[in-house]
Amino acid sequence: MIALVIILLAVCLGLPLFYAWRIWRLNEPSALSWLLVVTDGCMFVALIMLVGRWDIAGFYVRFALLGLVAAAVIRSFVRHARRPWAPPQFAGFLRTRFPTILSLVAFSAALAYVVSGLLPPARTTDLAFPLRDGRFTIGQGGGVMLLNRHANHEAQRFAADITAIGPAGFRAGGILPRELDSYEIFGKQVVAPCDGSVMSTGDGLPDLPPPEADRENPAGNHVVLLCGGSQVELAHLQRGSIRVSPSDDVRVGDLMGLVGNSGNTTETHLHIHAVDPDTGAGVPITFDGHFPVRNRLYSY
């Protein structure tokens, strides 16, 4: 797991820096060639900005990276501003730039796919945000796999995994610390996101040090609420923290428990999803009208 996090950091931080350096050094014979290379690089950087886990790489770091890329584009534009628009031999230009054209098409298609996953479905169930006293961001959320690893699971298709960030914009003190209190979200209050009743609860499972996971008990310590016509599950709670019992009536904001790291989870976060009890299909949710997609920030 730590190797995957290191790869993620290398992609999120290293590739935008590489493209900024590449654009800065561009020396193309024509403005069209320059535009093609720059557009290709910017498409890829935009893709990284959307799919990267910026709660891990640094929520505010991406703005610095975008600033570097923008500065490189401006500097490169000034260098190429007076060059001829079209290359003297257009056929030769197409041959030499064919890999870049293919790359641009691929990145554009991937970007369109990701953007489609940022758009909320036509009909959603609106919930109140289920956490208090912090700055929270969506680690997994959206309608496609590149944004949400739950997207191919029928019941959890529109699930959200929520983390918290500290003042510097990181979700933990370290890459993948084993100490649970190193995570900003650990111990945060989980509150009812709707008026409803408690259908079931589960407690007594240990909070595991990352990246250990309990695959036999996926939800870990959890609460399932009946909210209108949907079942809403709040998972991976802290052992001994659950404050409600089955059949209890709850109101928005009532304390359910505390964020822990129980069940099938590689690090501390709150998992939430809604299901249609009649079909078992996942129900699209919003929090206070906002679709929970990766890197969306909520402050409560």
C-alpha atoms as a PDB file:
ATOM      1  CA  MET A   1       0.000   0.000   0.000  1.00  0.00           C
ATOM      2  CA  ILE A   2       2.782   2.453   0.820  1.00  0.00           C
ATOM      3  CA  ALA A   3       4.280   1.796  -2.621  1.00  0.00           C
ATOM      4  CA  LEU A   4       0.971   2.824  -4.218  1.00  0.00           C
ATOM      5  CA  VAL A   5       0.910   6.032  -2.187  1.00  0.00           C
ATOM      6  CA  ILE A   6       4.478   6.844  -3.268  1.00  0.00           C
ATOM      7  CA  ILE A   7       3.528   6.246  -6.918  1.00  0.00           C
ATOM      8  CA  LEU A   8       0.493   8.506  -6.445  1.00  0.00           C
ATOM      9  CA  LEU A   9       2.706  11.262  -5.048  1.00  0.00           C
ATOM     10  CA  ALA A  10       5.167  10.853  -7.913  1.00  0.00           C
ATOM     11  CA  VAL A  11       2.356  11.207 -10.451  1.00  0.00           C
ATOM     12  CA  CYS A  12       0.625  14.124  -8.716  1.00  0.00           C
ATOM     13  CA  LEU A  13       3.807  16.096  -8.084  1.00  0.00           C
ATOM     14  CA  GLY A  14       6.362  14.870 -10.599  1.00  0.00           C
ATOM     15  CA  LEU A  15       4.374  14.897 -13.831  1.00  0.00           C
ATOM     16  CA  PRO A  16       3.024  18.468 -13.568  1.00  0.00           C
ATOM     17  CA  LEU A  17       6.593  19.621 -12.812  1.00  0.00           C
ATOM     18  CA  PHE A  18       7.857  17.689 -15.835  1.00  0.00           C
ATOM     19  CA  TYR A  19       5.254  19.260 -18.123  1.00  0.00           C
ATOM     20  CA  ALA A  20       5.981  22.744 -16.741  1.00  0.00           C
ATOM     21  CA  TRP A  21       9.691  22.192 -17.462  1.00  0.00           C
ATOM     22  CA  ARG A  22       8.927  20.812 -20.932  1.00  0.00           C
ATOM     23  CA  ILE A  23       6.701  23.754 -21.872  1.00  0.00           C
ATOM     24  CA  TRP A  24       9.229  26.228 -20.457  1.00  0.00           C
ATOM     25  CA  ARG A  25      11.947  24.824 -22.741  1.00  0.00           C
ATOM     26  CA  LEU A  26       9.841  24.525 -25.902  1.00  0.00           C
ATOM     27  CA  ASN A  27      11.430  25.826 -29.079  1.00  0.00           C
ATOM     28  CA  GLU A  28       9.031  24.971 -31.897  1.00  0.00           C
ATOM     29  CA  PRO A  29       9.376  26.222 -35.500  1.00  0.00           C
ATOM     30  CA  SER A  30       5.738  27.309 -35.755  1.00  0.00           C
ATOM     31  CA  ALA A  31       2.928  28.584 -33.548  1.00  0.00           C
ATOM     32  CA  LEU A  32       0.727  25.630 -34.552  1.00  0.00           C
ATOM     33  CA  SER A  33       3.337  23.125 -33.411  1.00  0.00           C
ATOM     34  CA  TRP A  34       3.740  25.049 -30.152  1.00  0.00           C
ATOM     35  CA  LEU A  35      -0.019  25.127 -29.588  1.00  0.00           C
ATOM     36  CA  LEU A  36      -0.320  21.384 -30.168  1.00  0.00           C
ATOM     37  CA  VAL A  37       2.398  20.492 -27.665  1.00  0.00           C
ATOM     38  CA  VAL A  38       1.156  22.953 -25.039  1.00  0.00           C
ATOM     39  CA  THR A  39      -2.464  21.831 -25.364  1.00  0.00           C
ATOM     40  CA  ASP A  40      -1.401  18.196 -25.010  1.00  0.00           C
ATOM     41  CA  GLY A  41       0.524  19.001 -21.825  1.00  0.00           C
ATOM     42  CA  CYS A  42      -2.260  21.126 -20.346  1.00  0.00           C
ATOM     43  CA  MET A  43      -4.856  18.399 -20.992  1.00  0.00           C
ATOM     44  CA  PHE A  44      -2.728  15.910 -19.086  1.00  0.00           C
ATOM     45  CA  VAL A  45      -2.106  18.318 -16.205  1.00  0.00           C
ATOM     46  CA  ALA A  46      -5.850  19.037 -15.995  1.00  0.00           C
ATOM     47  CA  LEU A  47      -6.506  15.295 -15.814  1.00  0.00           C
ATOM     48  CA  ILE A  48      -4.049  14.933 -12.917  1.00  0.00           C
ATOM     49  CA  MET A  49      -5.629  17.874 -11.112  1.00  0.00           C
ATOM     50  CA  LEU A  50      -9.034  16.181 -11.242  1.00  0.00           C
ATOM     51  CA  VAL A  51      -8.128  12.565 -10.458  1.00  0.00           C
ATOM     52  CA  GLY A  52      -5.193  13.108  -8.072  1.00  0.00           C
ATOM     53  CA  ARG A  53      -5.631  12.508  -4.358  1.00  0.00           C
ATOM     54  CA  TRP A  54      -4.757  15.995  -3.235  1.00  0.00           C
ATOM     55  CA  ASP A  55      -5.621  15.283   0.395  1.00  0.00           C
ATOM     56  CA  ILE A  56      -2.502  13.059   0.254  1.00  0.00           C
ATOM     57  CA  ALA A  57      -0.292  15.124  -2.062  1.00  0.00           C
ATOM     58  CA  GLY A  58      -1.324  18.418  -0.449  1.00  0.00           C
ATOM     59  CA  PHE A  59      -4.660  20.133  -1.057  1.00  0.00           C
ATOM     60  CA  TYR A  60      -3.025  23.510  -1.702  1.00  0.00           C
ATOM     61  CA  VAL A  61       0.078  22.173  -3.477  1.00  0.00           C
ATOM     62  CA  ARG A  62      -1.891  21.732  -6.699  1.00  0.00           C
ATOM     63  CA  PHE A  63      -2.479  25.487  -6.918  1.00  0.00           C
ATOM     64  CA  ALA A  64       1.277  26.090  -6.782  1.00  0.00           C
ATOM     65  CA  LEU A  65       1.769  23.479  -9.508  1.00  0.00           C
ATOM     66  CA  LEU A  66      -0.907  25.117 -11.651  1.00  0.00           C
ATOM     67  CA  GLY A  67       0.871  28.450 -11.145  1.00  0.00           C
ATOM     68  CA  LEU A  68       4.156  26.951 -12.375  1.00  0.00           C
ATOM     69  CA  VAL A  69       2.476  25.472 -15.454  1.00  0.00           C
ATOM     70  CA  ALA A  70       0.744  28.797 -16.191  1.00  0.00           C
ATOM     71  CA  ALA A  71       4.050  30.674 -15.866  1.00  0.00           C
ATOM     72  CA  ALA A  72       5.708  28.198 -18.229  1.00  0.00           C
ATOM     73  CA  VAL A  73       2.907  28.621 -20.784  1.00  0.00           C
ATOM     74  CA  ILE A  74       3.159  32.430 -20.655  1.00  0.00           C
ATOM     75  CA  ARG A  75       6.933  32.406 -20.986  1.00  0.00           C
ATOM     76  CA  SER A  76       6.778  29.913 -23.856  1.00  0.00           C
ATOM     77  CA  PHE A  77       4.041  31.901 -25.584  1.00  0.00           C
ATOM     78  CA  VAL A  78       6.169  35.042 -25.534  1.00  0.00           C
ATOM     79  CA  ARG A  79       9.029  33.098 -27.134  1.00  0.00           C
ATOM     80  CA  HIS A  80       6.800  31.769 -29.936  1.00  0.00           C
ATOM     81  CA  ALA A  81       4.504  34.779 -30.466  1.00  0.00           C
ATOM     82  CA  ARG A  82       6.231  36.038 -33.625  1.00  0.00           C
ATOM     83  CA  ARG A  83       6.864  32.715 -35.262  1.00  0.00           C
ATOM     84  CA  PRO A  84       4.884  31.718 -38.359  1.00  0.00           C
ATOM     85  CA  TRP A  85       1.521  30.148 -37.663  1.00  0.00           C
ATOM     86  CA  ALA A  86       1.784  27.172 -40.011  1.00  0.00           C
ATOM     87  CA  PRO A  87       4.871  25.025 -40.587  1.00  0.00           C
ATOM     88  CA  PRO A  88       6.388  25.290 -44.101  1.00  0.00           C
ATOM     89  CA  GLN A  89       5.744  21.603 -44.835  1.00  0.00           C
ATOM     90  CA  PHE A  90       2.394  20.602 -43.343  1.00  0.00           C
ATOM     91  CA  ALA A  91       2.644  16.926 -44.353  1.00  0.00           C
ATOM     92  CA  GLY A  92       6.000  16.643 -42.621  1.00  0.00           C
ATOM     93  CA  PHE A  93       4.565  18.399 -39.592  1.00  0.00           C
ATOM     94  CA  LEU A  94       1.761  15.815 -39.329  1.00  0.00           C
ATOM     95  CA  ARG A  95       4.244  12.946 -39.537  1.00  0.00           C
ATOM     96  CA  THR A  96       6.566  14.282 -36.867  1.00  0.00           C
ATOM     97  CA  ARG A  97       3.740  15.341 -34.555  1.00  0.00           C
ATOM     98  CA  PHE A  98       1.511  12.291 -35.038  1.00  0.00           C
ATOM     99  CA  PRO A  99       2.383  10.821 -31.571  1.00  0.00           C
ATOM    100  CA  THR A 100       1.511  14.171 -29.967  1.00  0.00           C
ATOM    101  CA  ILE A 101      -1.801  14.267 -31.842  1.00  0.00           C
ATOM    102  CA  LEU A 102      -2.639  10.753 -30.632  1.00  0.00           C
ATOM    103  CA  SER A 103      -1.668  11.719 -27.090  1.00  0.00           C
ATOM    104  CA  LEU A 104      -3.886  14.810 -27.253  1.00  0.00           C
ATOM    105  CA  VAL A 105      -6.862  12.782 -28.475  1.00  0.00           C
ATOM    106  CA  ALA A 106      -6.354  10.178 -25.722  1.00  0.00           C
ATOM    107  CA  PHE A 107      -5.987  12.759 -22.945  1.00  0.00           C
ATOM    108  CA  SER A 108      -8.990  14.728 -24.230  1.00  0.00           C
ATOM    109  CA  ALA A 109     -11.137  11.577 -24.214  1.00  0.00           C
ATOM    110  CA  ALA A 110      -9.961  10.684 -20.695  1.00  0.00           C
ATOM    111  CA  LEU A 111     -10.671  14.224 -19.501  1.00  0.00           C
ATOM    112  CA  ALA A 112     -14.186  14.124 -20.989  1.00  0.00           C
ATOM    113  CA  TYR A 113     -14.770  10.778 -19.254  1.00  0.00           C
ATOM    114  CA  VAL A 114     -13.670  12.176 -15.892  1.00  0.00           C
ATOM    115  CA  VAL A 115     -15.754  15.346 -16.305  1.00  0.00           C
ATOM    116  CA  SER A 116     -18.799  13.148 -16.940  1.00  0.00           C
ATOM    117  CA  GLY A 117     -18.192  11.590 -13.521  1.00  0.00           C
ATOM    118  CA  LEU A 118     -18.199  15.024 -11.867  1.00  0.00           C
ATOM    119  CA  LEU A 119     -21.745  15.758 -12.984  1.00  0.00           C
ATOM    120  CA  PRO A 120     -24.544  14.734 -10.586  1.00  0.00           C
ATOM    121  CA  PRO A 121     -27.209  12.332 -11.841  1.00  0.00           C
ATOM    122  CA  ALA A 122     -30.585  13.789 -12.754  1.00  0.00           C
ATOM    123  CA  ARG A 123     -32.212  12.675  -9.495  1.00  0.00           C
ATOM    124  CA  THR A 124     -30.379  12.644  -6.176  1.00  0.00           C
ATOM    125  CA  THR A 125     -31.190  12.281  -2.484  1.00  0.00           C
ATOM    126  CA  ASP A 126     -29.984  15.307  -0.548  1.00  0.00           C
ATOM    127  CA  LEU A 127     -28.403  14.672   2.849  1.00  0.00           C
ATOM    128  CA  ALA A 128     -26.850  16.897   5.465  1.00  0.00           C
ATOM    129  CA  PHE A 129     -23.093  16.564   5.762  1.00  0.00           C
ATOM    130  CA  PRO A 130     -22.340  13.713   8.221  1.00  0.00           C
ATOM    131  CA  LEU A 131     -19.311  15.231  10.001  1.00  0.00           C
ATOM    132  CA  ARG A 132     -18.634  18.218  12.222  1.00  0.00           C
ATOM    133  CA  ASP A 133     -15.766  20.445  13.370  1.00  0.00           C
ATOM    134  CA  GLY A 134     -13.283  20.271  10.542  1.00  0.00           C
ATOM    135  CA  ARG A 135     -12.357  20.770   6.904  1.00  0.00           C
ATOM    136  CA  PHE A 136     -13.305  17.654   5.002  1.00  0.00           C
ATOM    137  CA  THR A 137     -12.577  16.495   1.488  1.00  0.00           C
ATOM    138  CA  ILE A 138     -13.804  13.649  -0.674  1.00  0.00           C
ATOM    139  CA  GLY A 139     -11.151  10.988  -1.272  1.00  0.00           C
ATOM    140  CA  GLN A 140     -13.387   8.680  -3.297  1.00  0.00           C
ATOM    141  CA  GLY A 141     -16.485  10.131  -4.933  1.00  0.00           C
ATOM    142  CA  GLY A 142     -18.078  10.662  -8.305  1.00  0.00           C
ATOM    143  CA  GLY A 143     -19.679   8.598 -11.022  1.00  0.00           C
ATOM    144  CA  VAL A 144     -16.657   6.950 -12.712  1.00  0.00           C
ATOM    145  CA  MET A 145     -13.884   4.612 -11.586  1.00  0.00           C
ATOM    146  CA  LEU A 146     -11.076   7.136 -12.069  1.00  0.00           C
ATOM    147  CA  LEU A 147     -12.718   9.246  -9.350  1.00  0.00           C
ATOM    148  CA  ASN A 148     -14.443   6.638  -7.206  1.00  0.00           C
ATOM    149  CA  ARG A 149     -13.273   3.061  -6.710  1.00  0.00           C
ATOM    150  CA  HIS A 150     -16.822   2.161  -5.617  1.00  0.00           C
ATOM    151  CA  ALA A 151     -18.352   3.146  -8.972  1.00  0.00           C
ATOM    152  CA  ASN A 152     -18.582  -0.417 -10.317  1.00  0.00           C
ATOM    153  CA  HIS A 153     -20.250  -1.777  -7.165  1.00  0.00           C
ATOM    154  CA  GLU A 154     -24.041  -1.840  -7.610  1.00  0.00           C
ATOM    155  CA  ALA A 155     -24.984  -0.890  -4.049  1.00  0.00           C
ATOM    156  CA  GLN A 156     -22.080   1.526  -3.503  1.00  0.00           C
ATOM    157  CA  ARG A 157     -21.950   3.104  -6.946  1.00  0.00           C
ATOM    158  CA  PHE A 158     -22.444   6.593  -5.493  1.00  0.00           C
ATOM    159  CA  ALA A 159     -20.605   6.045  -2.202  1.00  0.00           C
ATOM    160  CA  ALA A 160     -18.266   8.674  -0.790  1.00  0.00           C
ATOM    161  CA  ASP A 161     -15.125   8.165   1.274  1.00  0.00           C
ATOM    162  CA  ILE A 162     -14.438  11.282   3.319  1.00  0.00           C
ATOM    163  CA  THR A 163     -11.157  12.430   4.855  1.00  0.00           C
ATOM    164  CA  ALA A 164     -10.159  15.624   6.665  1.00  0.00           C
ATOM    165  CA  ILE A 165      -7.291  18.022   6.024  1.00  0.00           C
ATOM    166  CA  GLY A 166      -5.254  20.057   8.442  1.00  0.00           C
ATOM    167  CA  PRO A 167      -4.120  23.699   8.087  1.00  0.00           C
ATOM    168  CA  ALA A 168      -1.375  22.740   5.606  1.00  0.00           C
ATOM    169  CA  GLY A 169      -3.808  20.771   3.456  1.00  0.00           C
ATOM    170  CA  PHE A 170      -2.717  17.204   4.262  1.00  0.00           C
ATOM    171  CA  ARG A 171      -4.972  14.405   5.512  1.00  0.00           C
ATOM    172  CA  ALA A 172      -2.275  12.972   7.836  1.00  0.00           C
ATOM    173  CA  GLY A 173       1.123  13.611   9.330  1.00  0.00           C
ATOM    174  CA  GLY A 174       3.111  11.393   6.976  1.00  0.00           C
ATOM    175  CA  ILE A 175       2.663   9.295   3.851  1.00  0.00           C
ATOM    176  CA  LEU A 176       0.815   6.374   5.456  1.00  0.00           C
ATOM    177  CA  PRO A 177       1.272   6.569   9.241  1.00  0.00           C
ATOM    178  CA  ARG A 178       0.218   3.609  11.364  1.00  0.00           C
ATOM    179  CA  GLU A 179      -0.768   5.825  14.298  1.00  0.00           C
ATOM    180  CA  LEU A 180      -4.492   6.499  13.936  1.00  0.00           C
ATOM    181  CA  ASP A 181      -4.390   9.870  15.652  1.00  0.00           C
ATOM    182  CA  SER A 182      -1.987  11.061  12.943  1.00  0.00           C
ATOM    183  CA  TYR A 183      -5.016  11.279  10.646  1.00  0.00           C
ATOM    184  CA  GLU A 184      -6.963  14.520  10.817  1.00  0.00           C
ATOM    185  CA  ILE A 185     -10.321  12.756  10.627  1.00  0.00           C
ATOM    186  CA  PHE A 186      -9.733  10.170  13.349  1.00  0.00           C
ATOM    187  CA  GLY A 187     -12.137  10.752  16.258  1.00  0.00           C
ATOM    188  CA  LYS A 188     -14.256  13.353  14.425  1.00  0.00           C
ATOM    189  CA  GLN A 189     -17.962  13.332  15.278  1.00  0.00           C
ATOM    190  CA  VAL A 190     -20.218  11.454  12.869  1.00  0.00           C
ATOM    191  CA  VAL A 191     -23.734  12.888  12.883  1.00  0.00           C
ATOM    192  CA  ALA A 192     -27.052  11.863  11.349  1.00  0.00           C
ATOM    193  CA  PRO A 193     -27.333  13.180   7.764  1.00  0.00           C
ATOM    194  CA  CYS A 194     -31.136  12.935   7.788  1.00  0.00           C
ATOM    195  CA  ASP A 195     -34.240  12.582   9.923  1.00  0.00           C
ATOM    196  CA  GLY A 196     -35.052   8.896  10.201  1.00  0.00           C
ATOM    197  CA  SER A 197     -34.670   5.795  12.303  1.00  0.00           C
ATOM    198  CA  VAL A 198     -31.821   3.417  13.104  1.00  0.00           C
ATOM    199  CA  MET A 199     -32.180   0.120  11.261  1.00  0.00           C
ATOM    200  CA  SER A 200     -29.051  -1.597  12.574  1.00  0.00           C
ATOM    201  CA  THR A 201     -25.696  -1.006  14.196  1.00  0.00           C
ATOM    202  CA  GLY A 202     -22.463  -2.927  14.570  1.00  0.00           C
ATOM    203  CA  ASP A 203     -19.788  -2.352  17.186  1.00  0.00           C
ATOM    204  CA  GLY A 204     -16.932  -4.112  18.941  1.00  0.00           C
ATOM    205  CA  LEU A 205     -14.462  -4.445  16.055  1.00  0.00           C
ATOM    206  CA  PRO A 206     -10.938  -3.110  16.568  1.00  0.00           C
ATOM    207  CA  ASP A 207      -9.532  -0.002  14.942  1.00  0.00           C
ATOM    208  CA  LEU A 208      -6.654  -1.321  12.869  1.00  0.00           C
ATOM    209  CA  PRO A 209      -3.342   0.415  12.142  1.00  0.00           C
ATOM    210  CA  PRO A 210      -3.060   1.268   8.423  1.00  0.00           C
ATOM    211  CA  PRO A 211      -2.765  -0.457   6.027  1.00  0.00           C
ATOM    212  CA  GLU A 212      -4.184  -3.501   7.879  1.00  0.00           C
ATOM    213  CA  ALA A 213      -7.783  -4.315   6.927  1.00  0.00           C
ATOM    214  CA  ASP A 214     -10.544  -6.651   8.114  1.00  0.00           C
ATOM    215  CA  ARG A 215     -11.948  -8.049   4.861  1.00  0.00           C
ATOM    216  CA  GLU A 216     -14.394 -10.344   6.675  1.00  0.00           C
ATOM    217  CA  ASN A 217     -16.217  -7.339   8.155  1.00  0.00           C
ATOM    218  CA  PRO A 218     -16.257  -4.781   5.321  1.00  0.00           C
ATOM    219  CA  ALA A 219     -18.274  -2.055   7.081  1.00  0.00           C
ATOM    220  CA  GLY A 220     -16.541  -2.449  10.429  1.00  0.00           C
ATOM    221  CA  ASN A 221     -18.361  -0.666  13.221  1.00  0.00           C
ATOM    222  CA  HIS A 222     -21.288   1.024  11.520  1.00  0.00           C
ATOM    223  CA  VAL A 223     -24.763   2.533  11.649  1.00  0.00           C
ATOM    224  CA  VAL A 224     -27.510   2.002   9.060  1.00  0.00           C
ATOM    225  CA  LEU A 225     -30.322   4.570   8.966  1.00  0.00           C
ATOM    226  CA  LEU A 226     -33.645   4.553   7.178  1.00  0.00           C
ATOM    227  CA  CYS A 227     -33.922   7.999   5.608  1.00  0.00           C
ATOM    228  CA  GLY A 228     -37.147   8.401   3.707  1.00  0.00           C
ATOM    229  CA  GLY A 229     -37.067   5.555   1.218  1.00  0.00           C
ATOM    230  CA  SER A 230     -33.311   4.931   1.368  1.00  0.00           C
ATOM    231  CA  GLN A 231     -30.965   3.023   3.653  1.00  0.00           C
ATOM    232  CA  VAL A 232     -27.927   5.130   4.517  1.00  0.00           C
ATOM    233  CA  GLU A 233     -24.842   3.398   5.892  1.00  0.00           C
ATOM    234  CA  LEU A 234     -22.078   5.126   7.863  1.00  0.00           C
ATOM    235  CA  ALA A 235     -19.082   2.808   8.105  1.00  0.00           C
ATOM    236  CA  HIS A 236     -15.617   2.347   9.688  1.00  0.00           C
ATOM    237  CA  LEU A 237     -16.544   3.926  13.016  1.00  0.00           C
ATOM    238  CA  GLN A 238     -14.446   3.835  16.151  1.00  0.00           C
ATOM    239  CA  ARG A 239     -14.952   0.890  18.484  1.00  0.00           C
ATOM    240  CA  GLY A 240     -17.153   1.736  21.453  1.00  0.00           C
ATOM    241  CA  SER A 241     -18.171   5.126  20.044  1.00  0.00           C
ATOM    242  CA  ILE A 242     -21.643   4.331  18.650  1.00  0.00           C
ATOM    243  CA  ARG A 243     -24.316   6.337  20.480  1.00  0.00           C
ATOM    244  CA  VAL A 244     -27.522   4.943  18.951  1.00  0.00           C
ATOM    245  CA  SER A 245     -29.377   1.640  18.965  1.00  0.00           C
ATOM    246  CA  PRO A 246     -31.730  -0.080  16.500  1.00  0.00           C
ATOM    247  CA  SER A 247     -35.229   1.472  16.394  1.00  0.00           C
ATOM    248  CA  ASP A 248     -34.007   4.831  17.725  1.00  0.00           C
ATOM    249  CA  ASP A 249     -35.418   7.881  15.978  1.00  0.00           C
ATOM    250  CA  VAL A 250     -32.796  10.411  14.943  1.00  0.00           C
ATOM    251  CA  ARG A 251     -32.771  13.985  13.723  1.00  0.00           C
ATOM    252  CA  VAL A 252     -30.258  15.726  11.484  1.00  0.00           C
ATOM    253  CA  GLY A 253     -27.106  16.456  13.497  1.00  0.00           C
ATOM    254  CA  ASP A 254     -27.641  13.816  16.209  1.00  0.00           C
ATOM    255  CA  LEU A 255     -24.386  12.140  17.235  1.00  0.00           C
ATOM    256  CA  MET A 256     -23.983   8.641  15.736  1.00  0.00           C
ATOM    257  CA  GLY A 257     -20.409   7.874  16.774  1.00  0.00           C
ATOM    258  CA  LEU A 258     -16.791   8.772  15.988  1.00  0.00           C
ATOM    259  CA  VAL A 259     -14.635   8.152  12.940  1.00  0.00           C
ATOM    260  CA  GLY A 260     -12.365   5.138  13.395  1.00  0.00           C
ATOM    261  CA  ASN A 261     -10.569   2.618  11.235  1.00  0.00           C
ATOM    262  CA  SER A 262     -12.523  -0.606  11.615  1.00  0.00           C
ATOM    263  CA  GLY A 263     -13.435  -3.048   8.868  1.00  0.00           C
ATOM    264  CA  ASN A 264     -12.108  -3.276   5.320  1.00  0.00           C
ATOM    265  CA  THR A 265     -10.313   0.041   5.119  1.00  0.00           C
ATOM    266  CA  THR A 266      -6.696   0.860   4.353  1.00  0.00           C
ATOM    267  CA  GLU A 267      -6.683   4.119   6.303  1.00  0.00           C
ATOM    268  CA  THR A 268      -8.925   6.247   8.491  1.00  0.00           C
ATOM    269  CA  HIS A 269     -11.949   7.754   6.754  1.00  0.00           C
ATOM    270  CA  LEU A 270     -15.747   7.828   6.870  1.00  0.00           C
ATOM    271  CA  HIS A 271     -17.574   5.787   4.263  1.00  0.00           C
ATOM    272  CA  ILE A 272     -21.173   6.662   3.421  1.00  0.00           C
ATOM    273  CA  HIS A 273     -23.559   5.352   0.799  1.00  0.00           C
ATOM    274  CA  ALA A 274     -27.300   5.078   0.250  1.00  0.00           C
ATOM    275  CA  VAL A 275     -29.229   2.087  -1.129  1.00  0.00           C
ATOM    276  CA  ASP A 276     -32.747   1.526  -2.418  1.00  0.00           C
ATOM    277  CA  PRO A 277     -33.952  -1.299  -0.123  1.00  0.00           C
ATOM    278  CA  ASP A 278     -36.293  -2.666  -2.790  1.00  0.00           C
ATOM    279  CA  THR A 279     -33.712  -3.064  -5.564  1.00  0.00           C
ATOM    280  CA  GLY A 280     -30.369  -3.048  -3.728  1.00  0.00           C
ATOM    281  CA  ALA A 281     -29.133  -0.384  -6.146  1.00  0.00           C
ATOM    282  CA  GLY A 282     -27.054   2.560  -5.041  1.00  0.00           C
ATOM    283  CA  VAL A 283     -28.861   5.880  -4.673  1.00  0.00           C
ATOM    284  CA  PRO A 284     -27.086   9.081  -5.807  1.00  0.00           C
ATOM    285  CA  ILE A 285     -26.556  11.436  -2.868  1.00  0.00           C
ATOM    286  CA  THR A 286     -25.636  15.062  -2.416  1.00  0.00           C
ATOM    287  CA  PHE A 287     -24.518  16.896   0.708  1.00  0.00           C
ATOM    288  CA  ASP A 288     -26.398  20.151   1.154  1.00  0.00           C
ATOM    289  CA  GLY A 289     -26.994  20.195  -2.594  1.00  0.00           C
ATOM    290  CA  HIS A 290     -23.404  19.432  -3.635  1.00  0.00           C
ATOM    291  CA  PHE A 291     -22.466  16.165  -5.380  1.00  0.00           C
ATOM    292  CA  PRO A 292     -19.558  14.576  -3.437  1.00  0.00           C
ATOM    293  CA  VAL A 293     -16.810  14.176  -6.020  1.00  0.00           C
ATOM    294  CA  ARG A 294     -13.102  13.665  -5.451  1.00  0.00           C
ATOM    295  CA  ASN A 295     -11.330  16.697  -3.973  1.00  0.00           C
ATOM    296  CA  ARG A 296     -14.527  18.626  -3.193  1.00  0.00           C
ATOM    297  CA  LEU A 297     -14.027  20.520   0.072  1.00  0.00           C
ATOM    298  CA  TYR A 298     -16.626  20.830   2.842  1.00  0.00           C
ATOM    299  CA  SER A 299     -16.154  22.939   5.977  1.00  0.00           C
ATOM    300  CA  TYR A 300     -18.373  22.443   9.034  1.00  0.00           C
END
